[in-house]
Amino acid sequence: MPISLADVLKKLCDTTGFSWWKADNIWLSLEKLKVLYVMNQPVEELWHYNCPSESFCELENLTLRNNKKLLSVFSPAMIVRFNKLKKLTLEKCELLAEVFILEGDKPNHDNQEMLPQLRVLAMSNLSKLTCFWNKEPQVPFFLNLVSLFIIHCHCLKSLFSLSQAQNLKKLKILRLCNCEKVEEVISSDKGEKVATIFPKMKCLVLKDLPKLVNFCQEGGCFNWPNLQTVRVNNIPSIKTFLRDDLNTPLLKSVYITFAKKLWLGNLNKTISYMHNNPGV
């Protein structure tokens, strides 16, 4: 049987003398837990048998770090438990290929959103990560996500489809760095054109993305009324930021080093100049 989070916590209880574990029912009651760090533990699943419906329902901060066996984080049965989760950190999980496993997921009318309170999602050094989920969620997701950090995830080719990106209406900070296979941030969606994605975006960082060719190759006018800071470095394959128009009324420069800035009137022209003048 795979080692679960319950097994790790039971071992902790046995070691420390805590009385969370109920031997007669063989489950942990964690209805008041708000912060959980699981580091250097061989957890293969968050849970592999039924647990009380109250468990994890108050959890606000979850960190999984230095794990060599975890394949995914959330299953359809468990995702409804994390409606109050505000921060999720995944770091150095060597086999993690997908964050959400939604196979066999059935519409749940009691669950109107997926991770509705999540504000910060940080993923780093996930060498096998290929996507967020194995199939399109049937409910809105990440509606309150403010900060998204993705660093050293070398199997990712894109983050979201254009239609999926419509959920991230409150995203303000996107940092995408050292992902060697990323070709576009937002993947095309069968000719769909959308006027506004990330309407609250304030800061965008794109660094060390050797295969990035475009932020989104789909046509249409992107409207980013709040974008103020753009930092780019080592993105040699990108010739232009977007194929069509991009409205960024507050953006006045692009940082190409920590302090050095460049601006040629708009983001597309600036990125194109950088591509044609790699030594700038």
C-alpha atoms as a PDB file:
ATOM      1  CA  MET A   1       0.000   0.000   0.000  1.00  0.00           C
ATOM      2  CA  PRO A   2       1.369   3.474  -0.890  1.00  0.00           C
ATOM      3  CA  ILE A   3       2.655   5.637   1.928  1.00  0.00           C
ATOM      4  CA  SER A   4       0.152   8.438   2.564  1.00  0.00           C
ATOM      5  CA  LEU A   5       0.164  11.669   4.484  1.00  0.00           C
ATOM      6  CA  ALA A   6      -1.829   9.869   7.165  1.00  0.00           C
ATOM      7  CA  ASP A   7       0.980   7.361   7.631  1.00  0.00           C
ATOM      8  CA  VAL A   8       3.514  10.164   8.083  1.00  0.00           C
ATOM      9  CA  LEU A   9       1.323  11.956  10.627  1.00  0.00           C
ATOM     10  CA  LYS A  10       0.635   8.743  12.510  1.00  0.00           C
ATOM     11  CA  LYS A  11       4.378   8.164  12.790  1.00  0.00           C
ATOM     12  CA  LEU A  12       4.786  11.711  14.070  1.00  0.00           C
ATOM     13  CA  CYS A  13       2.050  11.145  16.650  1.00  0.00           C
ATOM     14  CA  ASP A  14       3.606   7.885  17.776  1.00  0.00           C
ATOM     15  CA  THR A  15       6.981   9.596  18.105  1.00  0.00           C
ATOM     16  CA  THR A  16       5.844  12.757  19.885  1.00  0.00           C
ATOM     17  CA  GLY A  17       2.994  11.351  21.939  1.00  0.00           C
ATOM     18  CA  PHE A  18       0.280  13.504  20.336  1.00  0.00           C
ATOM     19  CA  SER A  19      -3.181  11.956  20.528  1.00  0.00           C
ATOM     20  CA  TRP A  20      -4.544  12.891  17.101  1.00  0.00           C
ATOM     21  CA  TRP A  21      -4.599   9.287  15.966  1.00  0.00           C
ATOM     22  CA  LYS A  22      -7.778   7.293  16.681  1.00  0.00           C
ATOM     23  CA  ALA A  23      -6.706   3.683  16.595  1.00  0.00           C
ATOM     24  CA  ASP A  24     -10.239   2.250  16.656  1.00  0.00           C
ATOM     25  CA  ASN A  25     -11.208   3.950  13.393  1.00  0.00           C
ATOM     26  CA  ILE A  26      -7.673   4.307  11.977  1.00  0.00           C
ATOM     27  CA  TRP A  27      -7.938   7.929  10.892  1.00  0.00           C
ATOM     28  CA  LEU A  28      -6.699  11.327  11.844  1.00  0.00           C
ATOM     29  CA  SER A  29      -8.974  14.167  12.853  1.00  0.00           C
ATOM     30  CA  LEU A  30      -7.426  17.287  11.356  1.00  0.00           C
ATOM     31  CA  GLU A  31     -10.398  19.586  11.107  1.00  0.00           C
ATOM     32  CA  LYS A  32      -8.598  22.552  12.742  1.00  0.00           C
ATOM     33  CA  LEU A  33      -5.246  22.251  10.977  1.00  0.00           C
ATOM     34  CA  LYS A  34      -4.359  25.472   9.088  1.00  0.00           C
ATOM     35  CA  VAL A  35      -0.672  25.102   8.161  1.00  0.00           C
ATOM     36  CA  LEU A  36       1.014  21.907   7.005  1.00  0.00           C
ATOM     37  CA  TYR A  37       4.610  21.416   5.833  1.00  0.00           C
ATOM     38  CA  VAL A  38       5.565  17.954   4.571  1.00  0.00           C
ATOM     39  CA  MET A  39       9.300  17.860   3.851  1.00  0.00           C
ATOM     40  CA  ASN A  40      11.727  14.994   3.250  1.00  0.00           C
ATOM     41  CA  GLN A  41       8.968  12.396   3.631  1.00  0.00           C
ATOM     42  CA  PRO A  42       8.234   9.567   1.141  1.00  0.00           C
ATOM     43  CA  VAL A  43       4.554  10.456   0.764  1.00  0.00           C
ATOM     44  CA  GLU A  44       3.017   8.850  -2.334  1.00  0.00           C
ATOM     45  CA  GLU A  45      -0.524  10.181  -1.882  1.00  0.00           C
ATOM     46  CA  LEU A  46      -2.119  12.766   0.383  1.00  0.00           C
ATOM     47  CA  TRP A  47      -4.589  10.081   1.400  1.00  0.00           C
ATOM     48  CA  HIS A  48      -5.253   6.546   0.240  1.00  0.00           C
ATOM     49  CA  TYR A  49      -8.333   5.665   2.260  1.00  0.00           C
ATOM     50  CA  ASN A  50     -11.440   7.378   3.578  1.00  0.00           C
ATOM     51  CA  CYS A  51     -10.943  10.009   6.250  1.00  0.00           C
ATOM     52  CA  PRO A  52     -13.400  12.206   8.149  1.00  0.00           C
ATOM     53  CA  SER A  53     -15.064  14.767   5.914  1.00  0.00           C
ATOM     54  CA  GLU A  54     -13.849  17.567   8.220  1.00  0.00           C
ATOM     55  CA  SER A  55     -10.159  16.752   7.747  1.00  0.00           C
ATOM     56  CA  PHE A  56      -8.117  19.489   6.005  1.00  0.00           C
ATOM     57  CA  CYS A  57     -11.185  21.696   5.561  1.00  0.00           C
ATOM     58  CA  GLU A  58      -9.528  24.573   7.469  1.00  0.00           C
ATOM     59  CA  LEU A  59      -6.104  24.181   5.856  1.00  0.00           C
ATOM     60  CA  GLU A  60      -4.767  27.506   4.524  1.00  0.00           C
ATOM     61  CA  ASN A  61      -1.112  26.808   3.758  1.00  0.00           C
ATOM     62  CA  LEU A  62       0.232  23.543   2.308  1.00  0.00           C
ATOM     63  CA  THR A  63       3.887  22.918   1.429  1.00  0.00           C
ATOM     64  CA  LEU A  64       5.242  19.707  -0.077  1.00  0.00           C
ATOM     65  CA  ARG A  65       9.024  19.682  -0.441  1.00  0.00           C
ATOM     66  CA  ASN A  66      11.784  17.177  -1.197  1.00  0.00           C
ATOM     67  CA  ASN A  67       9.592  14.260  -2.182  1.00  0.00           C
ATOM     68  CA  LYS A  68      10.752  11.442  -4.456  1.00  0.00           C
ATOM     69  CA  LYS A  69       7.497   9.465  -4.777  1.00  0.00           C
ATOM     70  CA  LEU A  70       4.512  11.817  -5.074  1.00  0.00           C
ATOM     71  CA  LEU A  71       2.873  11.573  -8.519  1.00  0.00           C
ATOM     72  CA  SER A  72       0.033  14.055  -7.991  1.00  0.00           C
ATOM     73  CA  VAL A  73      -1.342  16.259  -5.222  1.00  0.00           C
ATOM     74  CA  PHE A  74      -5.137  16.436  -5.441  1.00  0.00           C
ATOM     75  CA  SER A  75      -7.661  13.763  -6.359  1.00  0.00           C
ATOM     76  CA  PRO A  76     -11.357  14.377  -7.171  1.00  0.00           C
ATOM     77  CA  ALA A  77     -12.359  12.993  -3.781  1.00  0.00           C
ATOM     78  CA  MET A  78     -10.025  15.279  -1.844  1.00  0.00           C
ATOM     79  CA  ILE A  79     -10.125  18.561  -3.772  1.00  0.00           C
ATOM     80  CA  VAL A  80     -13.367  19.639  -2.076  1.00  0.00           C
ATOM     81  CA  ARG A  81     -11.589  19.514   1.285  1.00  0.00           C
ATOM     82  CA  PHE A  82      -9.274  22.399   0.361  1.00  0.00           C
ATOM     83  CA  ASN A  83     -11.762  25.205  -0.212  1.00  0.00           C
ATOM     84  CA  LYS A  84      -9.944  27.439   2.290  1.00  0.00           C
ATOM     85  CA  LEU A  85      -6.440  26.803   0.974  1.00  0.00           C
ATOM     86  CA  LYS A  86      -4.695  30.140   0.324  1.00  0.00           C
ATOM     87  CA  LYS A  87      -1.111  29.130  -0.442  1.00  0.00           C
ATOM     88  CA  LEU A  88       0.239  26.007  -2.135  1.00  0.00           C
ATOM     89  CA  THR A  89       3.982  25.392  -2.466  1.00  0.00           C
ATOM     90  CA  LEU A  90       5.395  22.425  -4.378  1.00  0.00           C
ATOM     91  CA  GLU A  91       9.173  22.112  -4.475  1.00  0.00           C
ATOM     92  CA  LYS A  92      11.584  19.343  -5.461  1.00  0.00           C
ATOM     93  CA  CYS A  93       8.946  16.668  -5.988  1.00  0.00           C
ATOM     94  CA  GLU A  94      10.911  14.560  -8.454  1.00  0.00           C
ATOM     95  CA  LEU A  95       8.099  12.413  -9.911  1.00  0.00           C
ATOM     96  CA  LEU A  96       5.225  14.901  -9.755  1.00  0.00           C
ATOM     97  CA  ALA A  97       3.734  14.925 -13.263  1.00  0.00           C
ATOM     98  CA  GLU A  98       0.333  16.543 -12.605  1.00  0.00           C
ATOM     99  CA  VAL A  99      -0.949  18.620  -9.709  1.00  0.00           C
ATOM    100  CA  PHE A 100      -4.603  17.600 -10.115  1.00  0.00           C
ATOM    101  CA  ILE A 101      -5.872  14.174 -11.092  1.00  0.00           C
ATOM    102  CA  LEU A 102      -9.416  14.708 -12.382  1.00  0.00           C
ATOM    103  CA  GLU A 103      -9.890  11.418 -14.211  1.00  0.00           C
ATOM    104  CA  GLY A 104     -13.330  10.052 -13.466  1.00  0.00           C
ATOM    105  CA  ASP A 105     -14.266  13.387 -11.912  1.00  0.00           C
ATOM    106  CA  LYS A 106     -18.015  13.926 -11.907  1.00  0.00           C
ATOM    107  CA  PRO A 107     -19.665  17.346 -11.702  1.00  0.00           C
ATOM    108  CA  ASN A 108     -20.250  18.176  -8.056  1.00  0.00           C
ATOM    109  CA  HIS A 109     -23.008  20.726  -7.651  1.00  0.00           C
ATOM    110  CA  ASP A 110     -21.904  21.348  -4.071  1.00  0.00           C
ATOM    111  CA  ASN A 111     -18.459  22.377  -5.311  1.00  0.00           C
ATOM    112  CA  GLN A 112     -18.970  25.474  -7.450  1.00  0.00           C
ATOM    113  CA  GLU A 113     -15.269  26.343  -7.684  1.00  0.00           C
ATOM    114  CA  MET A 114     -11.917  24.580  -7.420  1.00  0.00           C
ATOM    115  CA  LEU A 115      -9.557  26.039  -4.796  1.00  0.00           C
ATOM    116  CA  PRO A 116     -11.674  29.212  -4.549  1.00  0.00           C
ATOM    117  CA  GLN A 117      -9.453  30.912  -1.919  1.00  0.00           C
ATOM    118  CA  LEU A 118      -6.049  30.065  -3.391  1.00  0.00           C
ATOM    119  CA  ARG A 119      -3.980  33.259  -3.667  1.00  0.00           C
ATOM    120  CA  VAL A 120      -0.399  32.009  -4.092  1.00  0.00           C
ATOM    121  CA  LEU A 121       0.769  29.021  -6.141  1.00  0.00           C
ATOM    122  CA  ALA A 122       4.534  28.407  -6.158  1.00  0.00           C
ATOM    123  CA  MET A 123       6.053  25.473  -8.042  1.00  0.00           C
ATOM    124  CA  SER A 124       9.776  24.930  -8.384  1.00  0.00           C
ATOM    125  CA  ASN A 125      12.178  22.151  -9.307  1.00  0.00           C
ATOM    126  CA  LEU A 126       9.459  19.806 -10.547  1.00  0.00           C
ATOM    127  CA  SER A 127      11.443  18.028 -13.239  1.00  0.00           C
ATOM    128  CA  LYS A 128       8.583  15.755 -14.426  1.00  0.00           C
ATOM    129  CA  LEU A 129       5.686  18.228 -14.299  1.00  0.00           C
ATOM    130  CA  THR A 130       3.920  18.369 -17.666  1.00  0.00           C
ATOM    131  CA  CYS A 131       0.602  20.041 -16.795  1.00  0.00           C
ATOM    132  CA  PHE A 132      -1.618  21.272 -13.990  1.00  0.00           C
ATOM    133  CA  TRP A 133      -4.313  18.628 -14.546  1.00  0.00           C
ATOM    134  CA  ASN A 134      -4.956  15.585 -16.670  1.00  0.00           C
ATOM    135  CA  LYS A 135      -8.228  16.928 -18.052  1.00  0.00           C
ATOM    136  CA  GLU A 136     -10.161  20.186 -18.208  1.00  0.00           C
ATOM    137  CA  PRO A 137     -11.807  21.084 -14.865  1.00  0.00           C
ATOM    138  CA  GLN A 138     -15.600  21.121 -14.982  1.00  0.00           C
ATOM    139  CA  VAL A 139     -15.872  24.047 -12.571  1.00  0.00           C
ATOM    140  CA  PRO A 140     -14.137  27.459 -12.389  1.00  0.00           C
ATOM    141  CA  PHE A 141     -10.696  27.420 -10.765  1.00  0.00           C
ATOM    142  CA  PHE A 142      -8.100  29.825  -9.308  1.00  0.00           C
ATOM    143  CA  LEU A 143     -10.589  32.699  -9.311  1.00  0.00           C
ATOM    144  CA  ASN A 144      -8.710  34.452  -6.492  1.00  0.00           C
ATOM    145  CA  LEU A 145      -5.153  33.543  -7.508  1.00  0.00           C
ATOM    146  CA  VAL A 146      -2.914  36.613  -7.190  1.00  0.00           C
ATOM    147  CA  SER A 147       0.641  35.246  -7.522  1.00  0.00           C
ATOM    148  CA  LEU A 148       1.885  32.406  -9.732  1.00  0.00           C
ATOM    149  CA  PHE A 149       5.556  31.361  -9.592  1.00  0.00           C
ATOM    150  CA  ILE A 150       6.888  28.570 -11.826  1.00  0.00           C
ATOM    151  CA  ILE A 151      10.636  27.921 -11.728  1.00  0.00           C
ATOM    152  CA  HIS A 152      12.758  25.008 -12.997  1.00  0.00           C
ATOM    153  CA  CYS A 153       9.881  22.947 -14.392  1.00  0.00           C
ATOM    154  CA  HIS A 154      11.596  21.579 -17.466  1.00  0.00           C
ATOM    155  CA  CYS A 155       8.829  19.428 -18.976  1.00  0.00           C
ATOM    156  CA  LEU A 156       6.188  22.155 -19.181  1.00  0.00           C
ATOM    157  CA  LYS A 157       5.438  23.448 -22.680  1.00  0.00           C
ATOM    158  CA  SER A 158       2.678  25.901 -21.721  1.00  0.00           C
ATOM    159  CA  LEU A 159       0.725  26.901 -18.621  1.00  0.00           C
ATOM    160  CA  PHE A 160      -2.910  27.310 -19.612  1.00  0.00           C
ATOM    161  CA  SER A 161      -5.102  27.301 -22.680  1.00  0.00           C
ATOM    162  CA  LEU A 162      -6.702  30.584 -23.684  1.00  0.00           C
ATOM    163  CA  SER A 163     -10.101  29.532 -22.318  1.00  0.00           C
ATOM    164  CA  GLN A 164      -8.564  28.302 -19.050  1.00  0.00           C
ATOM    165  CA  ALA A 165      -6.752  31.609 -18.600  1.00  0.00           C
ATOM    166  CA  GLN A 166     -10.121  33.353 -18.323  1.00  0.00           C
ATOM    167  CA  ASN A 167     -10.373  32.032 -14.770  1.00  0.00           C
ATOM    168  CA  LEU A 168      -7.341  33.993 -13.579  1.00  0.00           C
ATOM    169  CA  LYS A 169      -9.063  37.357 -13.411  1.00  0.00           C
ATOM    170  CA  LYS A 170      -7.218  38.447 -10.256  1.00  0.00           C
ATOM    171  CA  LEU A 171      -3.697  37.352 -11.194  1.00  0.00           C
ATOM    172  CA  LYS A 172      -1.249  40.198 -10.527  1.00  0.00           C
ATOM    173  CA  ILE A 173       2.176  38.562 -10.586  1.00  0.00           C
ATOM    174  CA  LEU A 174       3.413  35.884 -12.989  1.00  0.00           C
ATOM    175  CA  ARG A 175       7.019  34.700 -12.714  1.00  0.00           C
ATOM    176  CA  LEU A 176       8.096  32.030 -15.199  1.00  0.00           C
ATOM    177  CA  CYS A 177      11.793  31.140 -15.097  1.00  0.00           C
ATOM    178  CA  ASN A 178      14.205  28.374 -16.125  1.00  0.00           C
ATOM    179  CA  CYS A 179      11.662  26.204 -17.909  1.00  0.00           C
ATOM    180  CA  GLU A 180      13.597  24.926 -20.897  1.00  0.00           C
ATOM    181  CA  LYS A 181      10.673  23.437 -22.898  1.00  0.00           C
ATOM    182  CA  VAL A 182       8.090  26.228 -22.542  1.00  0.00           C
ATOM    183  CA  GLU A 183       7.090  27.378 -26.036  1.00  0.00           C
ATOM    184  CA  GLU A 184       4.223  29.686 -25.121  1.00  0.00           C
ATOM    185  CA  VAL A 185       2.697  30.800 -21.859  1.00  0.00           C
ATOM    186  CA  ILE A 186      -0.906  30.575 -23.067  1.00  0.00           C
ATOM    187  CA  SER A 187      -1.639  27.874 -25.626  1.00  0.00           C
ATOM    188  CA  SER A 188      -3.986  28.403 -28.567  1.00  0.00           C
ATOM    189  CA  ASP A 189      -7.615  27.383 -28.288  1.00  0.00           C
ATOM    190  CA  LYS A 190      -9.014  26.468 -31.738  1.00  0.00           C
ATOM    191  CA  GLY A 191      -9.142  29.983 -33.122  1.00  0.00           C
ATOM    192  CA  GLU A 192     -10.773  31.530 -30.055  1.00  0.00           C
ATOM    193  CA  LYS A 193     -10.037  35.228 -29.618  1.00  0.00           C
ATOM    194  CA  VAL A 194     -10.332  36.929 -26.242  1.00  0.00           C
ATOM    195  CA  ALA A 195      -9.974  40.631 -25.557  1.00  0.00           C
ATOM    196  CA  THR A 196      -8.779  40.471 -21.959  1.00  0.00           C
ATOM    197  CA  ILE A 197      -6.860  37.901 -19.950  1.00  0.00           C
ATOM    198  CA  PHE A 198      -5.143  38.685 -16.668  1.00  0.00           C
ATOM    199  CA  PRO A 199      -6.877  42.105 -16.377  1.00  0.00           C
ATOM    200  CA  LYS A 200      -5.227  42.721 -12.980  1.00  0.00           C
ATOM    201  CA  MET A 201      -1.696  41.814 -14.091  1.00  0.00           C
ATOM    202  CA  LYS A 202       0.910  44.188 -12.645  1.00  0.00           C
ATOM    203  CA  CYS A 203       4.208  42.320 -12.902  1.00  0.00           C
ATOM    204  CA  LEU A 204       5.430  39.812 -15.496  1.00  0.00           C
ATOM    205  CA  VAL A 205       8.812  38.069 -15.334  1.00  0.00           C
ATOM    206  CA  LEU A 206      10.056  35.808 -18.148  1.00  0.00           C
ATOM    207  CA  LYS A 207      13.593  34.529 -17.682  1.00  0.00           C
ATOM    208  CA  ASP A 208      15.740  31.719 -19.099  1.00  0.00           C
ATOM    209  CA  LEU A 209      13.129  30.314 -21.472  1.00  0.00           C
ATOM    210  CA  PRO A 210      15.155  29.207 -24.522  1.00  0.00           C
ATOM    211  CA  LYS A 211      12.200  27.825 -26.528  1.00  0.00           C
ATOM    212  CA  LEU A 212       9.617  30.505 -25.788  1.00  0.00           C
ATOM    213  CA  VAL A 213       8.365  31.804 -29.147  1.00  0.00           C
ATOM    214  CA  ASN A 214       5.354  33.849 -28.050  1.00  0.00           C
ATOM    215  CA  PHE A 215       3.328  34.690 -24.984  1.00  0.00           C
ATOM    216  CA  CYS A 216       0.265  33.495 -26.893  1.00  0.00           C
ATOM    217  CA  GLN A 217       0.228  32.709 -30.601  1.00  0.00           C
ATOM    218  CA  GLU A 218      -3.532  33.133 -30.910  1.00  0.00           C
ATOM    219  CA  GLY A 219      -4.722  36.352 -32.543  1.00  0.00           C
ATOM    220  CA  GLY A 220      -6.746  39.074 -30.900  1.00  0.00           C
ATOM    221  CA  CYS A 221      -6.278  42.203 -28.853  1.00  0.00           C
ATOM    222  CA  PHE A 222      -4.942  41.646 -25.339  1.00  0.00           C
ATOM    223  CA  ASN A 223      -5.833  44.341 -22.838  1.00  0.00           C
ATOM    224  CA  TRP A 224      -3.602  44.632 -19.752  1.00  0.00           C
ATOM    225  CA  PRO A 225      -4.652  47.938 -18.206  1.00  0.00           C
ATOM    226  CA  ASN A 226      -2.670  47.445 -14.970  1.00  0.00           C
ATOM    227  CA  LEU A 227       0.650  46.066 -16.242  1.00  0.00           C
ATOM    228  CA  GLN A 228       3.495  48.197 -14.864  1.00  0.00           C
ATOM    229  CA  THR A 229       6.578  45.953 -14.650  1.00  0.00           C
ATOM    230  CA  VAL A 230       7.997  43.534 -17.227  1.00  0.00           C
ATOM    231  CA  ARG A 231      11.335  41.777 -16.751  1.00  0.00           C
ATOM    232  CA  VAL A 232      12.767  39.582 -19.496  1.00  0.00           C
ATOM    233  CA  ASN A 233      16.110  37.874 -19.847  1.00  0.00           C
ATOM    234  CA  ASN A 234      17.473  35.052 -22.009  1.00  0.00           C
ATOM    235  CA  ILE A 235      14.409  34.486 -24.176  1.00  0.00           C
ATOM    236  CA  PRO A 236      16.269  34.170 -27.532  1.00  0.00           C
ATOM    237  CA  SER A 237      13.493  32.500 -29.569  1.00  0.00           C
ATOM    238  CA  ILE A 238      10.767  35.077 -29.034  1.00  0.00           C
ATOM    239  CA  LYS A 239      10.524  37.483 -31.994  1.00  0.00           C
ATOM    240  CA  THR A 240       7.459  39.370 -30.833  1.00  0.00           C
ATOM    241  CA  PHE A 241       5.459  39.251 -27.619  1.00  0.00           C
ATOM    242  CA  LEU A 242       2.073  38.763 -29.299  1.00  0.00           C
ATOM    243  CA  ARG A 243       1.001  38.301 -32.896  1.00  0.00           C
ATOM    244  CA  ASP A 244      -1.554  41.108 -32.638  1.00  0.00           C
ATOM    245  CA  ASP A 245      -2.188  44.199 -30.538  1.00  0.00           C
ATOM    246  CA  LEU A 246      -1.444  44.497 -26.840  1.00  0.00           C
ATOM    247  CA  ASN A 247      -2.779  47.394 -24.798  1.00  0.00           C
ATOM    248  CA  THR A 248      -0.526  48.247 -21.812  1.00  0.00           C
ATOM    249  CA  PRO A 249      -1.170  51.937 -21.015  1.00  0.00           C
ATOM    250  CA  LEU A 250       0.849  51.947 -17.761  1.00  0.00           C
ATOM    251  CA  LEU A 251       3.917  50.132 -19.095  1.00  0.00           C
ATOM    252  CA  LYS A 252       6.784  52.508 -19.870  1.00  0.00           C
ATOM    253  CA  SER A 253       9.830  50.222 -19.996  1.00  0.00           C
ATOM    254  CA  VAL A 254      11.091  46.633 -20.035  1.00  0.00           C
ATOM    255  CA  TYR A 255      13.829  45.516 -17.644  1.00  0.00           C
ATOM    256  CA  ILE A 256      16.454  43.480 -19.484  1.00  0.00           C
ATOM    257  CA  THR A 257      18.741  43.254 -16.440  1.00  0.00           C
ATOM    258  CA  PHE A 258      18.071  44.048 -12.803  1.00  0.00           C
ATOM    259  CA  ALA A 259      18.596  47.764 -13.449  1.00  0.00           C
ATOM    260  CA  LYS A 260      18.866  48.232 -17.247  1.00  0.00           C
ATOM    261  CA  LYS A 261      15.683  49.176 -19.088  1.00  0.00           C
ATOM    262  CA  LEU A 262      14.636  49.379 -22.733  1.00  0.00           C
ATOM    263  CA  TRP A 263      11.541  50.866 -24.408  1.00  0.00           C
ATOM    264  CA  LEU A 264      10.546  51.413 -28.024  1.00  0.00           C
ATOM    265  CA  GLY A 265       6.995  52.603 -27.555  1.00  0.00           C
ATOM    266  CA  ASN A 266       5.249  49.281 -26.988  1.00  0.00           C
ATOM    267  CA  LEU A 267       5.977  45.778 -25.786  1.00  0.00           C
ATOM    268  CA  ASN A 268       5.914  44.093 -29.195  1.00  0.00           C
ATOM    269  CA  LYS A 269       8.450  46.501 -30.700  1.00  0.00           C
ATOM    270  CA  THR A 270      10.686  46.279 -27.647  1.00  0.00           C
ATOM    271  CA  ILE A 271      10.758  42.468 -27.663  1.00  0.00           C
ATOM    272  CA  SER A 272      11.347  42.437 -31.427  1.00  0.00           C
ATOM    273  CA  TYR A 273      14.281  44.838 -31.058  1.00  0.00           C
ATOM    274  CA  MET A 274      15.786  42.611 -28.354  1.00  0.00           C
ATOM    275  CA  HIS A 275      15.494  39.585 -30.639  1.00  0.00           C
ATOM    276  CA  ASN A 276      17.191  41.365 -33.529  1.00  0.00           C
ATOM    277  CA  ASN A 277      19.883  42.850 -31.286  1.00  0.00           C
ATOM    278  CA  PRO A 278      20.858  40.040 -28.897  1.00  0.00           C
ATOM    279  CA  GLY A 279      23.797  41.957 -27.491  1.00  0.00           C
ATOM    280  CA  VAL A 280      21.708  44.898 -26.366  1.00  0.00           C
END
